Amino acid sequence: MAECIECGEYTKFEGGLCYPCYKNQNISKTQEEKDDSEKKGLSDKDFNYRYGMIKGRIAETLIQELFLSLDYNVFRYGMENTIPGIMELLKGVRSDVAQEIRRMPDFVIQDQRSKAVYFLEVKFRASGEFKLKDLPENYPYENAYIILVSKKHIKCITVTELMEGKEITANSKNYLGSRKEFDLDKKVIIDFCNFAVQFFENV
């Protein structure tokens, strides 16, 4: 009489499984296939969204640390910081309130010497370019400074200058160190440009 190779019970085939063991084995295989099919990773859309967010956060951290190292008071102001978790909630939401929240600048900084306060919006662009069309429509913070981190440079332009038709290009000379209102140490900016090169060279 043939015995099940799993439990020793009667089976029709020598070297085979009885019906209950055969059934359990198929259930296990089906569960494994189901588990494997559920582990497909991020969708392309989700991958690109998160990849872009990580690049942006690295750029923000570089600029935050740059201004901190130059004795500025730096306050995270953007929507991710004021209302933690809001970005996930606002994915795909189209409303006036959602638009206003998305437009909040990333930082408020204060020069400890002059006590002057500035809004900063930090962007990363591998191309090293930033134009008016790159701002959200009807951007309300006309007095904000856009700091663009690229693979090679850290540049700066105001929203007002963008509205006047100026822009940041790969060859433009609007370097952050040239902004007289900030009175920054250019050597420190060069150090942070070198950090940017290290972090973004393969992006």
Protein backbone atom coordinates (compact mmCIF):
# COMPACT_ATOMS: atom_id res chain seq x y z
CA MET A 1 0.00 0.00 0.00
CA ALA A 2 1.38 3.47 -1.02
CA GLU A 3 2.06 5.98 1.73
CA CYS A 4 2.09 9.76 1.63
CA ILE A 5 5.67 11.05 1.67
CA GLU A 6 4.57 13.91 3.94
CA CYS A 7 2.39 12.31 6.66
CA GLY A 8 2.49 8.54 6.01
CA GLU A 9 -1.27 8.20 5.33
CA TYR A 10 -2.69 6.17 2.43
CA THR A 11 -2.24 7.58 -1.07
CA LYS A 12 -2.89 6.24 -4.55
CA PHE A 13 0.62 6.85 -5.83
CA GLU A 14 3.92 5.53 -4.51
CA GLY A 15 6.18 8.48 -3.59
CA GLY A 16 3.27 10.90 -3.76
CA LEU A 17 1.12 12.92 -1.37
CA CYS A 18 -2.24 12.13 0.14
CA TYR A 19 -5.09 14.47 -0.78
CA PRO A 20 -4.95 16.64 2.42
CA CYS A 21 -1.13 17.12 2.11
CA TYR A 22 -1.45 17.84 -1.62
CA LYS A 23 -4.13 20.43 -0.90
CA ASN A 24 -2.04 22.08 1.88
CA GLN A 25 0.99 22.24 -0.42
CA ASN A 26 -1.03 24.00 -3.14
CA ILE A 27 -2.46 26.47 -0.62
CA SER A 28 1.09 27.26 0.56
CA LYS A 29 2.31 27.75 -3.03
CA THR A 30 -0.67 29.98 -3.81
CA GLN A 31 0.03 32.06 -0.68
CA GLU A 32 3.73 32.37 -1.62
CA GLU A 33 2.79 33.45 -5.16
CA LYS A 34 0.32 35.95 -3.71
CA ASP A 35 2.97 37.30 -1.32
CA ASP A 36 5.45 37.61 -4.21
CA SER A 37 2.91 39.37 -6.41
CA GLU A 38 2.23 41.89 -3.63
CA LYS A 39 5.95 42.77 -3.42
CA LYS A 40 6.28 44.69 -6.67
CA GLY A 41 7.93 47.78 -5.18
CA LEU A 42 6.91 51.35 -5.88
CA SER A 43 4.93 52.26 -8.95
CA ASP A 44 6.82 54.46 -11.44
CA LYS A 45 4.72 57.45 -10.40
CA ASP A 46 5.33 56.85 -6.69
CA PHE A 47 9.05 56.18 -7.29
CA ASN A 48 9.48 59.47 -9.19
CA TYR A 49 7.50 61.40 -6.57
CA ARG A 50 9.59 60.07 -3.70
CA TYR A 51 12.86 60.40 -5.61
CA GLY A 52 12.09 64.06 -6.34
CA MET A 53 11.11 64.64 -2.73
CA ILE A 54 14.39 63.17 -1.47
CA LYS A 55 16.42 65.37 -3.83
CA GLY A 56 14.46 68.39 -2.64
CA ARG A 57 15.02 67.53 1.01
CA ILE A 58 18.76 67.13 0.45
CA ALA A 59 18.86 70.56 -1.21
CA GLU A 60 16.83 72.07 1.67
CA THR A 61 19.17 70.55 4.25
CA LEU A 62 22.22 71.92 2.42
CA ILE A 63 20.78 75.44 2.44
CA GLN A 64 19.59 75.17 6.03
CA GLU A 65 23.05 74.11 7.17
CA LEU A 66 24.72 76.77 5.03
CA PHE A 67 22.76 79.59 6.68
CA LEU A 68 23.15 78.07 10.15
CA SER A 69 26.91 77.92 9.65
CA LEU A 70 26.82 81.65 8.80
CA ASP A 71 25.05 82.47 12.10
CA TYR A 72 21.58 83.01 10.65
CA ASN A 73 18.48 81.96 12.54
CA VAL A 74 16.79 79.38 10.32
CA PHE A 75 13.19 78.27 10.74
CA ARG A 76 11.58 75.55 8.65
CA TYR A 77 8.37 77.07 7.42
CA GLY A 78 7.05 75.02 4.48
CA MET A 79 3.99 72.81 4.54
CA GLU A 80 5.96 69.66 5.43
CA ASN A 81 7.19 71.33 8.60
CA THR A 82 4.20 73.37 9.68
CA ILE A 83 1.72 70.55 9.15
CA PRO A 84 3.58 67.20 9.28
CA GLY A 85 2.12 64.55 7.00
CA ILE A 86 0.15 67.08 4.95
CA MET A 87 1.92 66.24 1.68
CA GLU A 88 0.50 62.72 1.65
CA LEU A 89 -2.97 64.05 2.43
CA LEU A 90 -2.82 66.66 -0.34
CA LYS A 91 -1.69 64.28 -3.12
CA GLY A 92 -4.22 64.77 -5.89
CA VAL A 93 -6.27 67.34 -3.95
CA ARG A 94 -7.23 70.46 -5.93
CA SER A 95 -8.58 73.31 -3.84
CA ASP A 96 -7.69 76.90 -2.97
CA VAL A 97 -6.60 75.93 0.54
CA ALA A 98 -4.46 73.04 -0.73
CA GLN A 99 -2.83 75.36 -3.28
CA GLU A 100 -2.04 77.97 -0.60
CA ILE A 101 -0.48 75.32 1.64
CA ARG A 102 1.67 73.98 -1.22
CA ARG A 103 2.99 77.48 -1.98
CA MET A 104 4.41 78.13 1.48
CA PRO A 105 8.16 78.90 1.30
CA ASP A 106 10.53 76.34 2.80
CA PHE A 107 12.27 78.62 5.30
CA VAL A 108 12.19 81.87 7.17
CA ILE A 109 15.71 83.05 7.94
CA GLN A 110 16.95 85.94 10.03
CA ASP A 111 20.28 87.70 9.87
CA GLN A 112 21.30 87.98 13.53
CA ARG A 113 23.34 91.13 12.84
CA SER A 114 20.78 93.24 10.97
CA LYS A 115 17.67 91.38 12.26
CA ALA A 116 16.40 91.32 8.63
CA VAL A 117 14.02 88.44 7.87
CA TYR A 118 13.64 86.62 4.54
CA PHE A 119 11.46 83.93 2.98
CA LEU A 120 13.46 81.21 1.18
CA GLU A 121 12.15 78.71 -1.34
CA VAL A 122 14.77 76.03 -2.09
CA LYS A 123 14.74 74.11 -5.36
CA PHE A 124 16.99 71.49 -6.92
CA ARG A 125 17.38 71.40 -10.69
CA ALA A 126 19.94 69.17 -12.38
CA SER A 127 19.74 71.53 -15.37
CA GLY A 128 20.71 74.53 -13.24
CA GLU A 129 17.77 76.51 -14.66
CA PHE A 130 14.81 78.21 -13.03
CA LYS A 131 12.26 80.45 -14.74
CA LEU A 132 9.01 82.17 -13.83
CA LYS A 133 7.04 79.27 -15.34
CA ASP A 134 8.65 76.97 -12.73
CA LEU A 135 6.87 78.82 -9.92
CA PRO A 136 3.33 77.78 -9.01
CA GLU A 137 0.73 79.95 -10.75
CA ASN A 138 -0.18 83.11 -8.80
CA TYR A 139 2.67 82.53 -6.33
CA PRO A 140 1.76 84.82 -3.41
CA TYR A 141 5.20 85.35 -1.85
CA GLU A 142 6.61 88.05 -4.13
CA ASN A 143 9.21 88.93 -1.51
CA ALA A 144 10.61 85.36 -1.38
CA TYR A 145 14.08 84.37 -2.54
CA ILE A 146 14.42 81.28 -4.72
CA ILE A 147 17.65 79.44 -3.98
CA LEU A 148 18.51 77.00 -6.71
CA VAL A 149 20.84 74.11 -5.92
CA SER A 150 22.25 72.36 -8.98
CA LYS A 151 25.03 69.86 -9.57
CA LYS A 152 27.61 72.66 -9.72
CA HIS A 153 26.28 75.87 -8.20
CA ILE A 154 24.04 77.51 -5.63
CA LYS A 155 22.26 80.45 -7.23
CA CYS A 156 19.62 82.87 -6.03
CA ILE A 157 16.89 85.04 -7.55
CA THR A 158 13.90 86.82 -6.08
CA VAL A 159 10.34 86.19 -7.15
CA THR A 160 10.15 89.89 -8.10
CA GLU A 161 13.17 89.47 -10.40
CA LEU A 162 11.52 86.44 -12.01
CA MET A 163 8.40 88.54 -12.63
CA GLU A 164 10.62 91.18 -14.26
CA GLY A 165 11.79 88.57 -16.78
CA LYS A 166 15.08 87.57 -15.18
CA GLU A 167 15.90 83.89 -14.73
CA ILE A 168 18.53 81.44 -13.58
CA THR A 169 20.29 79.62 -16.40
CA ALA A 170 23.25 77.25 -16.43
CA ASN A 171 25.49 80.19 -17.50
CA SER A 172 23.94 83.02 -15.49
CA LYS A 173 26.02 84.68 -12.78
CA ASN A 174 23.31 85.09 -10.12
CA TYR A 175 25.27 83.22 -7.45
CA LEU A 176 24.03 83.16 -3.88
CA GLY A 177 27.36 84.64 -2.73
CA SER A 178 26.71 87.73 -4.86
CA ARG A 179 23.51 88.70 -3.01
CA LYS A 180 24.48 91.79 -1.05
CA GLU A 181 21.42 91.59 1.25
CA PHE A 182 22.70 88.34 2.77
CA ASP A 183 26.38 89.41 3.09
CA LEU A 184 27.60 85.81 3.00
CA ASP A 185 31.10 84.34 3.21
CA LYS A 186 31.79 83.11 -0.32
CA LYS A 187 34.27 80.49 0.92
CA VAL A 188 31.52 78.85 3.00
CA ILE A 189 29.23 78.85 -0.05
CA ILE A 190 31.97 77.17 -2.11
CA ASP A 191 32.26 74.49 0.59
CA PHE A 192 28.52 73.86 0.35
CA CYS A 193 28.70 73.84 -3.46
CA ASN A 194 31.24 71.04 -3.08
CA PHE A 195 28.78 69.18 -0.86
CA ALA A 196 26.12 69.62 -3.55
CA VAL A 197 28.49 68.20 -6.19
CA GLN A 198 29.09 65.13 -4.01
CA PHE A 199 25.39 64.54 -3.31
CA PHE A 200 24.05 65.25 -6.78
CA GLU A 201 26.80 64.25 -9.23
CA ASN A 202 24.94 61.10 -10.36
CA VAL A 203 21.44 62.59 -10.40
